[in-house]
Structures are given as C-alpha cells and as structure tokens.
Amino acid sequence: MTMRASCVTRIVIGVTALGVGLLVYLADRRPEQIYFLQRIGVTHALYGGTSSLFGSLGQNLPAFIHAFAFALITGGILACGQRGSLIVVLGWFATDAAFELGQRFPTWSERCVPRWFDSLPVLESARPFFRGGTFDPLDLFAMAVGAVAAYFLLLATMEGGRS
C-alpha cells in the first residue's frame, strides 16, 4: 500500500508547521513552563527572557499552528476529500477551542477531567493545564484562522473531485 503524493504533501506541511511551533517554544518560552519540553528533558532552550524571536506573533502562533498542523496531518493520514476535510478541520478547531475555553473556566474544567488521567502520561497534564493556563481570545482567533487555512490547503491538495 502506497500513500498518495497529495497525502504525503499534507503530512509534510503539517509536520513542518509543528517544527515551527517547536521553535516558538524553544526560542520564546521558558522550558520549565512547557509540558512536552519537560517530558523530553529540555532544561535549556534558546529563550533569552528579554526579547523574543517571534515577537508578539509568538504569543498566538502556537494556537494557529496546532489547529493548522494537526488538521493537515489528520487529513493526510485519512486521505480526506472535501467533506472529510471539513469534518477534520472542525474537529481540531472544536478540540483546541474547548481547551482554550477550559482555561477561562478552570474550576469547572478541572472537575471534568477524570481522576484516572492523573496517572497516565500526557493526560496527567490536563488538570494543571486548566489550572495554570491563561485564556486568550486571540488564541481562539488564531485557531480559527489556522483551521480555515488548513481547510483551503486540504482542498488545494485534494486529488480529483473526491468528496
């Protein structure tokens, strides 16, 4: 079984976008505040504390990248057509938006997280994410723009009139 070139293109663009997101975290954020950097043992990053590589764009760029990249990767793996691409994009936007809104209502959000999450890798960070996160409406906007951009890129890389 071989993967279509259009699907590979989607995945490569998505993974590349995640690489840019990693650079944002390495350059503009303190590593002790970033879950995945802690998990892989990064204790020193490019973060200088006084100026940032990405400037003010770096504050909301990760929100854009997450919705954009994961929609492309998912759309590439599933070889989605037009309808499937819309479902994928809306699914990632809804997921990202739910986590952002969860930061707006941390007490309620923490209560929604099952206790058994606390003993599982990655999931154990859900409760602290809501407790320590900061809601930013610009992140919601960045997610929406990322989702729309991903949708148009998924359509642009769609093979033949599949739906």
Foldseek 3Di string as FASTA:
>chain_A
DDADPLLVVLLVVLVVLVVVLVLLCQFDHQLVVDVVSVVVPNRHGNHDPPQGPCGPCSVQSNLLSQLQSQLSNVCSVVLDALVVSLVSSVVSLVVSVVLLVLLVVLVVQLVVQDPVLCPDPPSVCSNVSSVVDDRDVVNNVSSVVSSVVNSVSSNVSRPDRDD
